[in-house]
N, C-alpha and C. Protein backbone atom coordinates (compact mmCIF):
# COMPACT_ATOMS: atom_id res chain seq x y z
N MET A 1 100.26 -124.51 104.93
CA MET A 1 100.19 -126.40 104.46
C MET A 1 99.42 -127.18 104.83
N LYS A 2 98.76 -128.05 104.33
CA LYS A 2 97.97 -128.89 104.83
C LYS A 2 98.79 -129.84 105.52
N LYS A 3 97.66 -130.78 106.31
CA LYS A 3 97.82 -131.07 107.52
C LYS A 3 99.05 -132.83 106.86
N ASN A 4 98.59 -133.13 105.61
CA ASN A 4 99.99 -134.27 104.70
C ASN A 4 100.79 -133.81 104.49
N ASP A 5 101.18 -132.43 104.44
CA ASP A 5 102.41 -132.04 103.88
C ASP A 5 102.60 -131.80 105.51
N GLU A 6 102.52 -132.03 106.39
CA GLU A 6 103.53 -131.52 107.66
C GLU A 6 103.40 -133.10 108.11
N HIS A 7 102.94 -133.73 108.07
CA HIS A 7 103.21 -135.44 107.94
C HIS A 7 103.86 -135.95 107.74
N PHE A 8 104.54 -135.60 106.25
CA PHE A 8 105.58 -136.11 105.11
C PHE A 8 106.48 -135.55 105.46
N MET A 9 106.98 -134.25 105.85
CA MET A 9 107.78 -133.35 106.13
C MET A 9 108.54 -133.83 107.41
N LEU A 10 107.45 -134.11 108.67
CA LEU A 10 107.83 -135.02 109.87
C LEU A 10 108.65 -135.95 109.67
N LEU A 11 108.09 -136.95 108.30
CA LEU A 11 109.17 -138.26 108.07
C LEU A 11 110.36 -137.66 107.56
N ALA A 12 110.64 -137.31 107.00
CA ALA A 12 112.03 -135.99 106.60
C ALA A 12 112.51 -136.05 107.68
N ILE A 13 112.06 -135.11 108.36
CA ILE A 13 112.68 -134.61 109.96
C ILE A 13 113.13 -135.23 110.37
N LYS A 14 112.05 -136.58 110.85
CA LYS A 14 112.89 -137.78 111.70
C LYS A 14 113.78 -138.84 111.14
N GLU A 15 113.53 -138.71 109.66
CA GLU A 15 114.83 -139.67 109.15
C GLU A 15 116.01 -138.89 109.18
N ALA A 16 115.87 -137.61 109.43
CA ALA A 16 117.90 -136.80 109.50
C ALA A 16 117.90 -136.82 110.81
N ARG A 17 116.94 -136.66 111.75
CA ARG A 17 117.78 -136.69 113.28
C ARG A 17 118.49 -138.47 113.26
N LYS A 18 118.54 -138.90 112.53
CA LYS A 18 119.14 -140.72 112.53
C LYS A 18 120.45 -140.20 112.97
N ASN A 19 120.71 -139.24 111.69
CA ASN A 19 122.09 -138.98 111.53
C ASN A 19 123.00 -138.16 113.06
N LEU A 20 122.60 -137.75 113.62
CA LEU A 20 122.69 -137.17 115.05
C LEU A 20 123.31 -138.24 115.55
N LYS A 21 122.92 -139.37 115.52
CA LYS A 21 123.81 -140.84 116.13
C LYS A 21 124.60 -141.34 115.00
N THR A 22 123.69 -141.61 114.15
CA THR A 22 124.70 -142.65 113.28
C THR A 22 126.01 -141.94 112.85
N MET A 23 126.06 -140.70 112.76
CA MET A 23 127.04 -139.56 111.84
C MET A 23 127.29 -140.29 110.82
N GLU A 24 126.27 -141.06 110.14
CA GLU A 24 126.69 -141.44 108.37
C GLU A 24 126.17 -140.15 107.40
N GLY A 25 126.17 -139.34 107.99
CA GLY A 25 126.02 -138.04 106.92
C GLY A 25 125.69 -136.78 107.74
N GLY A 26 125.15 -135.73 107.14
CA GLY A 26 124.63 -134.59 108.00
C GLY A 26 122.92 -134.63 107.77
N PRO A 27 122.72 -133.68 108.53
CA PRO A 27 121.06 -133.83 109.06
C PRO A 27 119.96 -133.26 108.16
N PHE A 28 120.04 -134.16 107.56
CA PHE A 28 119.52 -133.72 105.85
C PHE A 28 118.54 -135.24 105.54
N GLY A 29 117.11 -134.81 105.55
CA GLY A 29 116.14 -136.23 105.30
C GLY A 29 115.13 -136.03 104.11
N ALA A 30 114.81 -137.08 103.66
CA ALA A 30 114.05 -136.97 102.05
C ALA A 30 112.87 -137.62 101.99
N CYS A 31 111.28 -137.37 101.37
CA CYS A 31 110.07 -138.26 101.53
C CYS A 31 109.63 -137.87 100.36
N ILE A 32 109.55 -139.35 99.12
CA ILE A 32 109.07 -139.01 98.46
C ILE A 32 107.73 -139.30 98.36
N VAL A 33 106.79 -138.80 98.13
CA VAL A 33 105.54 -139.43 98.48
C VAL A 33 104.40 -139.22 97.17
N LYS A 34 103.29 -140.37 96.49
CA LYS A 34 102.92 -140.49 95.45
C LYS A 34 101.40 -140.29 95.65
N ARG A 35 100.28 -139.20 95.44
CA ARG A 35 99.13 -139.80 95.46
C ARG A 35 98.77 -139.93 97.28
N GLY A 36 99.70 -139.62 98.26
CA GLY A 36 99.57 -139.72 99.69
C GLY A 36 99.85 -141.50 99.98
N ARG A 37 100.81 -141.88 99.30
CA ARG A 37 101.72 -142.96 99.38
C ARG A 37 103.26 -142.61 99.72
N VAL A 38 103.69 -142.91 100.73
CA VAL A 38 104.71 -143.00 100.74
C VAL A 38 105.39 -143.66 100.39
N LEU A 39 106.79 -143.13 99.38
CA LEU A 39 107.21 -144.48 98.56
C LEU A 39 108.85 -144.58 98.43
N ALA A 40 109.58 -143.79 99.68
CA ALA A 40 110.72 -143.72 100.39
C ALA A 40 110.79 -142.99 101.27
N VAL A 41 112.10 -142.93 102.08
CA VAL A 41 111.94 -142.08 103.04
C VAL A 41 113.48 -142.15 103.26
N ALA A 42 114.44 -141.16 103.22
CA ALA A 42 115.94 -141.19 102.99
C ALA A 42 116.56 -140.42 104.09
N ARG A 43 117.60 -140.62 104.21
CA ARG A 43 118.95 -139.77 105.16
C ARG A 43 120.10 -139.54 103.98
N ASN A 44 120.97 -138.19 104.60
CA ASN A 44 122.14 -138.27 103.94
C ASN A 44 123.19 -139.37 104.40
N THR A 45 124.03 -140.25 103.36
CA THR A 45 125.27 -141.03 103.76
C THR A 45 126.31 -140.72 102.94
N VAL A 46 126.77 -139.53 103.08
CA VAL A 46 127.30 -139.37 102.46
C VAL A 46 128.68 -139.73 103.22
N LEU A 47 129.07 -139.81 104.15
CA LEU A 47 129.92 -139.75 104.92
C LEU A 47 130.53 -141.67 104.72
N LYS A 48 129.44 -142.69 104.08
CA LYS A 48 129.93 -143.70 104.24
C LYS A 48 130.78 -143.90 102.57
N ASN A 49 131.18 -143.03 102.46
CA ASN A 49 131.87 -142.98 101.46
C ASN A 49 131.51 -142.90 100.04
N ASP A 50 130.56 -141.97 100.08
CA ASP A 50 129.91 -141.54 98.28
C ASP A 50 129.30 -140.31 98.48
N ALA A 51 129.86 -139.51 98.22
CA ALA A 51 129.36 -137.97 97.36
C ALA A 51 128.13 -137.48 97.26
N THR A 52 127.61 -138.65 96.34
CA THR A 52 126.63 -138.15 95.92
C THR A 52 125.46 -138.95 96.45
N CYS A 53 125.41 -139.52 97.60
CA CYS A 53 124.44 -139.71 98.85
C CYS A 53 123.62 -138.88 99.72
N HIS A 54 123.12 -137.71 98.98
CA HIS A 54 122.53 -136.84 99.39
C HIS A 54 120.96 -137.51 100.06
N ALA A 55 120.35 -136.91 101.06
CA ALA A 55 118.82 -137.79 101.32
C ALA A 55 118.18 -137.78 99.79
N GLU A 56 118.28 -136.56 99.56
CA GLU A 56 117.39 -136.75 98.12
C GLU A 56 117.68 -138.05 97.24
N ILE A 57 119.10 -137.88 96.49
CA ILE A 57 119.69 -138.86 95.60
C ILE A 57 119.17 -140.39 96.46
N ASN A 58 119.06 -140.86 98.24
CA ASN A 58 119.08 -141.67 98.50
C ASN A 58 117.18 -141.78 97.96
N ALA A 59 116.84 -141.40 98.41
CA ALA A 59 115.22 -141.32 98.15
C ALA A 59 114.55 -141.39 97.00
N ILE A 60 115.12 -140.71 96.02
CA ILE A 60 114.90 -141.23 94.50
C ILE A 60 115.32 -142.80 94.11
N ARG A 61 116.24 -143.35 94.66
CA ARG A 61 116.95 -144.67 94.24
C ARG A 61 115.87 -145.86 94.90
N LYS A 62 115.78 -145.02 95.91
CA LYS A 62 114.41 -146.42 96.47
C LYS A 62 113.11 -146.44 95.86
N ALA A 63 112.75 -144.64 95.74
CA ALA A 63 111.28 -144.57 95.21
C ALA A 63 111.16 -145.32 93.37
N SER A 64 112.63 -144.95 92.82
CA SER A 64 112.52 -145.48 91.53
C SER A 64 112.73 -147.35 91.56
N LYS A 65 112.84 -147.36 92.87
CA LYS A 65 113.33 -148.86 92.73
C LYS A 65 112.06 -149.81 93.24
N LEU A 66 111.05 -149.00 93.68
CA LEU A 66 110.02 -149.43 94.31
C LEU A 66 108.97 -149.22 93.05
N ALA A 67 109.24 -148.37 92.47
CA ALA A 67 108.52 -148.19 91.20
C ALA A 67 108.36 -148.85 90.18
N GLY A 68 109.85 -149.32 89.85
CA GLY A 68 109.87 -149.74 88.75
C GLY A 68 110.09 -149.35 87.32
N SER A 69 110.71 -148.14 87.65
CA SER A 69 111.24 -146.67 86.72
C SER A 69 111.70 -145.58 87.48
N PHE A 70 112.21 -145.05 86.50
CA PHE A 70 113.01 -143.50 86.47
C PHE A 70 111.89 -142.64 86.92
N ASP A 71 111.03 -142.62 86.32
CA ASP A 71 109.67 -141.62 85.95
C ASP A 71 109.04 -141.65 87.47
N LEU A 72 108.89 -140.41 87.72
CA LEU A 72 108.50 -140.59 89.22
C LEU A 72 107.31 -139.03 88.94
N SER A 73 106.95 -139.67 87.82
CA SER A 73 105.86 -138.71 87.93
C SER A 73 104.59 -138.77 88.84
N ASN A 74 104.29 -137.41 89.17
CA ASN A 74 102.87 -137.06 90.31
C ASN A 74 103.26 -137.32 91.58
N CYS A 75 104.42 -137.20 92.17
CA CYS A 75 105.61 -137.66 93.02
C CYS A 75 105.53 -136.34 93.79
N VAL A 76 105.85 -136.31 95.40
CA VAL A 76 106.13 -134.74 95.70
C VAL A 76 107.39 -135.36 96.50
N MET A 77 108.84 -134.27 96.65
CA MET A 77 109.57 -134.52 97.45
C MET A 77 109.47 -133.98 98.14
N TYR A 78 109.57 -134.14 99.68
CA TYR A 78 109.52 -133.53 100.81
C TYR A 78 111.34 -133.40 101.68
N THR A 79 111.72 -132.14 101.70
CA THR A 79 113.23 -132.24 101.88
C THR A 79 113.62 -131.37 103.02
N THR A 80 114.46 -131.59 104.01
CA THR A 80 114.57 -131.00 105.18
C THR A 80 115.32 -129.94 104.90
N THR A 81 116.11 -129.68 103.89
CA THR A 81 116.83 -128.53 103.52
C THR A 81 116.58 -128.50 101.92
N GLU A 82 116.70 -127.48 101.50
CA GLU A 82 116.48 -127.36 99.97
C GLU A 82 117.47 -127.49 99.27
N PRO A 83 116.79 -128.30 97.83
CA PRO A 83 118.07 -129.50 97.21
C PRO A 83 119.17 -128.75 96.61
N CYS A 84 120.45 -129.18 96.39
CA CYS A 84 121.39 -128.25 96.20
C CYS A 84 121.32 -128.57 94.41
N PRO A 85 122.79 -128.57 94.09
CA PRO A 85 121.87 -128.09 92.15
C PRO A 85 122.28 -129.61 91.82
N MET A 86 122.90 -130.87 92.32
CA MET A 86 122.82 -132.13 91.98
C MET A 86 121.13 -132.97 91.82
N CYS A 87 121.00 -132.62 93.11
CA CYS A 87 119.58 -132.81 94.05
C CYS A 87 118.92 -132.28 92.96
N PHE A 88 118.68 -131.28 92.74
CA PHE A 88 117.43 -130.50 91.83
C PHE A 88 117.21 -131.19 90.18
N ALA A 89 118.66 -131.30 89.95
CA ALA A 89 118.77 -132.28 88.60
C ALA A 89 118.06 -133.26 88.57
N ALA A 90 118.39 -134.14 89.55
CA ALA A 90 117.76 -135.25 89.74
C ALA A 90 117.00 -135.44 90.10
N ILE A 91 116.59 -134.19 90.62
CA ILE A 91 114.66 -134.51 90.80
C ILE A 91 114.01 -134.55 89.62
N HIS A 92 114.41 -133.00 88.92
CA HIS A 92 113.82 -132.98 87.65
C HIS A 92 113.93 -134.22 86.58
N TRP A 93 115.11 -134.38 86.63
CA TRP A 93 115.11 -135.59 85.72
C TRP A 93 114.14 -136.81 86.22
N ALA A 94 114.18 -137.21 87.53
CA ALA A 94 113.25 -137.87 87.72
C ALA A 94 111.75 -137.59 87.52
N ARG A 95 111.24 -136.33 87.16
CA ARG A 95 109.93 -136.34 86.79
C ARG A 95 109.27 -135.91 88.29
N ILE A 96 110.02 -135.41 89.10
CA ILE A 96 109.39 -135.55 90.39
C ILE A 96 108.82 -133.98 90.31
N GLY A 97 107.52 -133.50 90.46
CA GLY A 97 106.71 -132.71 90.01
C GLY A 97 106.75 -131.21 91.19
N LYS A 98 106.96 -131.71 92.35
CA LYS A 98 106.76 -130.53 93.49
C LYS A 98 107.97 -130.91 94.51
N ILE A 99 108.48 -129.49 95.02
CA ILE A 99 109.55 -130.07 96.01
C ILE A 99 109.04 -128.90 97.24
N VAL A 100 108.42 -129.80 98.21
CA VAL A 100 108.26 -129.05 99.61
C VAL A 100 109.95 -129.37 100.63
N TYR A 101 110.11 -128.22 101.01
CA TYR A 101 111.72 -128.12 101.33
C TYR A 101 111.67 -127.05 102.97
N GLY A 102 112.80 -127.64 103.53
CA GLY A 102 112.27 -126.60 104.77
C GLY A 102 113.64 -125.33 105.04
N THR A 103 114.62 -125.69 105.49
CA THR A 103 115.47 -124.78 105.26
C THR A 103 116.30 -124.75 104.16
N ASN A 104 116.85 -123.42 103.79
CA ASN A 104 117.46 -123.08 102.20
C ASN A 104 119.24 -123.45 102.23
N ILE A 105 119.56 -123.73 101.12
CA ILE A 105 120.99 -123.36 100.57
C ILE A 105 121.24 -122.53 101.40
N ALA A 106 121.37 -120.75 102.05
CA ALA A 106 122.20 -120.53 102.71
C ALA A 106 122.27 -120.76 103.87
N ASP A 107 121.24 -121.35 104.78
CA ASP A 107 121.77 -121.69 105.72
C ASP A 107 122.04 -122.61 106.41
N ALA A 108 122.68 -123.59 105.12
CA ALA A 108 123.55 -124.83 104.98
C ALA A 108 124.35 -124.78 105.29
N SER A 109 125.00 -123.61 104.43
CA SER A 109 126.25 -122.57 103.87
C SER A 109 126.52 -122.23 105.65
N LYS A 110 125.96 -121.46 105.78
CA LYS A 110 126.44 -120.86 107.42
C LYS A 110 126.32 -121.54 108.28
N ILE A 111 125.86 -123.27 108.52
CA ILE A 111 126.87 -124.02 109.25
C ILE A 111 127.99 -125.06 109.01
N GLY A 112 127.99 -124.00 107.95
CA GLY A 112 129.62 -124.96 107.68
C GLY A 112 129.44 -126.17 106.10
N PHE A 113 128.53 -126.17 105.93
CA PHE A 113 128.35 -127.32 104.23
C PHE A 113 128.61 -126.68 103.25
N ASN A 114 129.36 -127.04 102.82
CA ASN A 114 130.10 -126.49 101.34
C ASN A 114 129.20 -126.74 100.10
N GLU A 115 128.22 -125.72 100.18
CA GLU A 115 127.39 -125.38 99.26
C GLU A 115 127.46 -124.87 97.64
N PHE A 116 126.57 -124.76 97.21
CA PHE A 116 126.79 -124.29 95.76
C PHE A 116 126.02 -122.85 96.08
N LYS A 117 126.46 -121.56 96.15
CA LYS A 117 125.34 -121.24 96.50
C LYS A 117 124.67 -120.38 95.40
N VAL A 118 123.33 -121.87 95.11
CA VAL A 118 122.71 -121.41 93.86
C VAL A 118 121.15 -121.71 94.30
N SER A 119 120.52 -121.17 94.42
CA SER A 119 118.95 -121.48 94.53
C SER A 119 117.87 -122.46 93.56
N SER A 120 117.45 -123.25 94.65
CA SER A 120 116.45 -124.00 93.63
C SER A 120 115.25 -123.09 92.76
N ALA A 121 115.37 -122.00 93.22
CA ALA A 121 114.45 -121.22 92.45
C ALA A 121 115.41 -120.72 91.12
N ARG A 122 116.65 -120.36 91.36
CA ARG A 122 117.66 -119.91 90.24
C ARG A 122 117.55 -120.79 89.67
N LEU A 123 117.68 -122.08 89.69
CA LEU A 123 118.03 -123.37 89.04
C LEU A 123 116.75 -123.94 88.23
N LYS A 124 115.49 -123.41 88.56
CA LYS A 124 114.29 -123.81 88.02
C LYS A 124 113.86 -122.92 86.71
N SER A 125 114.45 -121.56 87.13
CA SER A 125 114.51 -120.69 86.19
C SER A 125 115.59 -120.59 85.11
N LEU A 126 116.58 -121.12 85.48
CA LEU A 126 117.70 -121.12 84.29
C LEU A 126 117.15 -122.41 83.55
N GLY A 127 116.71 -123.39 83.94
CA GLY A 127 116.02 -124.80 83.69
C GLY A 127 114.95 -124.65 82.63
N LYS A 128 114.19 -123.53 83.47
CA LYS A 128 112.80 -123.54 82.36
C LYS A 128 111.80 -124.70 83.06
N SER A 129 112.25 -125.35 84.43
CA SER A 129 112.25 -126.27 84.91
C SER A 129 110.55 -126.01 85.09
N SER A 130 109.37 -127.15 85.02
CA SER A 130 108.19 -126.76 85.76
C SER A 130 107.83 -127.28 87.06
N ILE A 131 109.00 -128.21 88.25
CA ILE A 131 109.11 -128.21 89.24
C ILE A 131 108.03 -126.93 90.02
N CYS A 132 107.16 -127.74 90.91
CA CYS A 132 106.61 -126.51 91.90
C CYS A 132 107.36 -126.64 92.91
N LEU A 133 107.90 -125.34 93.31
CA LEU A 133 108.72 -125.15 94.73
C LEU A 133 108.45 -124.98 95.94
N LYS A 134 107.96 -124.98 97.29
CA LYS A 134 106.63 -124.74 98.28
C LYS A 134 108.08 -124.65 99.55
N ARG A 135 107.49 -123.98 100.26
CA ARG A 135 108.35 -123.62 101.49
C ARG A 135 107.53 -124.30 102.54
N SER A 136 108.26 -125.32 103.55
CA SER A 136 107.25 -125.68 104.54
C SER A 136 106.81 -125.11 105.92
N SER A 137 106.09 -124.97 106.43
CA SER A 137 105.75 -124.80 107.36
C SER A 137 106.44 -124.87 108.89
N LEU A 138 107.09 -126.12 108.28
CA LEU A 138 108.07 -126.59 109.49
C LEU A 138 109.30 -126.05 109.26
N LEU A 139 109.78 -124.86 109.04
CA LEU A 139 110.70 -124.50 109.48
C LEU A 139 111.59 -124.55 110.52
N LYS A 140 111.13 -123.98 111.41
CA LYS A 140 111.40 -124.10 112.71
C LYS A 140 111.85 -125.38 113.24
N GLU A 141 111.33 -126.21 112.85
CA GLU A 141 112.04 -128.13 113.18
C GLU A 141 113.03 -128.52 112.55
N CYS A 142 112.92 -127.76 111.07
CA CYS A 142 114.28 -128.01 110.23
C CYS A 142 115.33 -127.21 110.55
N ARG A 143 115.13 -125.90 111.07
CA ARG A 143 116.27 -125.08 111.68
C ARG A 143 116.82 -125.75 112.49
N GLN A 144 115.65 -126.69 113.58
CA GLN A 144 116.63 -127.11 114.94
C GLN A 144 117.60 -128.57 114.21
N LEU A 145 117.11 -128.84 113.47
CA LEU A 145 118.28 -130.18 112.94
C LEU A 145 119.84 -129.58 112.88
N PHE A 146 119.45 -128.17 112.49
CA PHE A 146 121.12 -127.73 112.21
C PHE A 146 121.54 -127.09 113.47
N SER A 147 120.59 -126.75 114.24
CA SER A 147 121.07 -126.24 115.57
C SER A 147 122.00 -127.92 116.63
N ASP A 148 120.67 -128.90 116.17
CA ASP A 148 121.39 -130.32 117.01
C ASP A 148 123.02 -130.31 116.57
N TRP A 149 122.83 -130.61 115.34
CA TRP A 149 124.46 -130.63 114.30
C TRP A 149 125.14 -130.13 114.76
N HIS A 150 125.15 -128.65 114.82
CA HIS A 150 126.45 -127.48 115.13
C HIS A 150 126.45 -127.74 116.89
N ARG A 151 125.85 -128.36 117.20
CA ARG A 151 126.24 -128.58 118.68
C ARG A 151 126.88 -129.74 118.93
N LEU A 152 127.25 -131.13 117.62
CA LEU A 152 127.94 -132.04 118.04
C LEU A 152 129.27 -132.67 117.84
N PRO A 153 129.87 -132.31 119.15
CA PRO A 153 131.42 -132.25 119.44
C PRO A 153 132.18 -133.16 118.04
N HIS A 154 131.78 -134.33 117.83
CA HIS A 154 132.44 -135.07 116.32
C HIS A 154 131.95 -134.65 114.94
N LYS A 155 131.56 -133.63 114.72
CA LYS A 155 130.89 -133.79 113.21
C LYS A 155 131.65 -133.84 112.10
N GLN A 156 131.19 -134.35 110.85
CA GLN A 156 132.07 -133.66 109.79
C GLN A 156 131.69 -133.04 109.12
N LEU A 157 132.01 -131.88 108.24
CA LEU A 157 131.36 -131.33 107.67
C LEU A 157 132.04 -131.60 105.86
N TYR A 158 131.48 -131.41 104.63
CA TYR A 158 131.73 -131.75 103.84
C TYR A 158 131.20 -130.69 102.66
């Protein structure tokens, strides 16, 4: 993986870490980049009473506002965990061309998150999507988010 990919994934990881203190959502972060420029960095804020506020959705909302368009063609989404079906659909509709992800749906399910057990690769196949999927070289760092989250005494799973 290119150094830039690692840099952008580290931004997503850093953002996800904020929830270990704020408890506004789970240990999930995302970063959207267009031609080397960061458009948005966001984290999961579901626990602020909106089930749609996954990190990827929050990042799409921020990037779309900055771009002045729903169309995020030529963008890359860096996300600490493989997108759920809702997020994958939003990424597809935003026309983001590539997803670089850390942990997968099964990893999130193992620690108690209420995940549909449908991978992005399966969704890509079913929908005949052209989105490129790539696993991050920072898998260890993304798994550490889950370990740190799992040790928190007052976490809420959803």
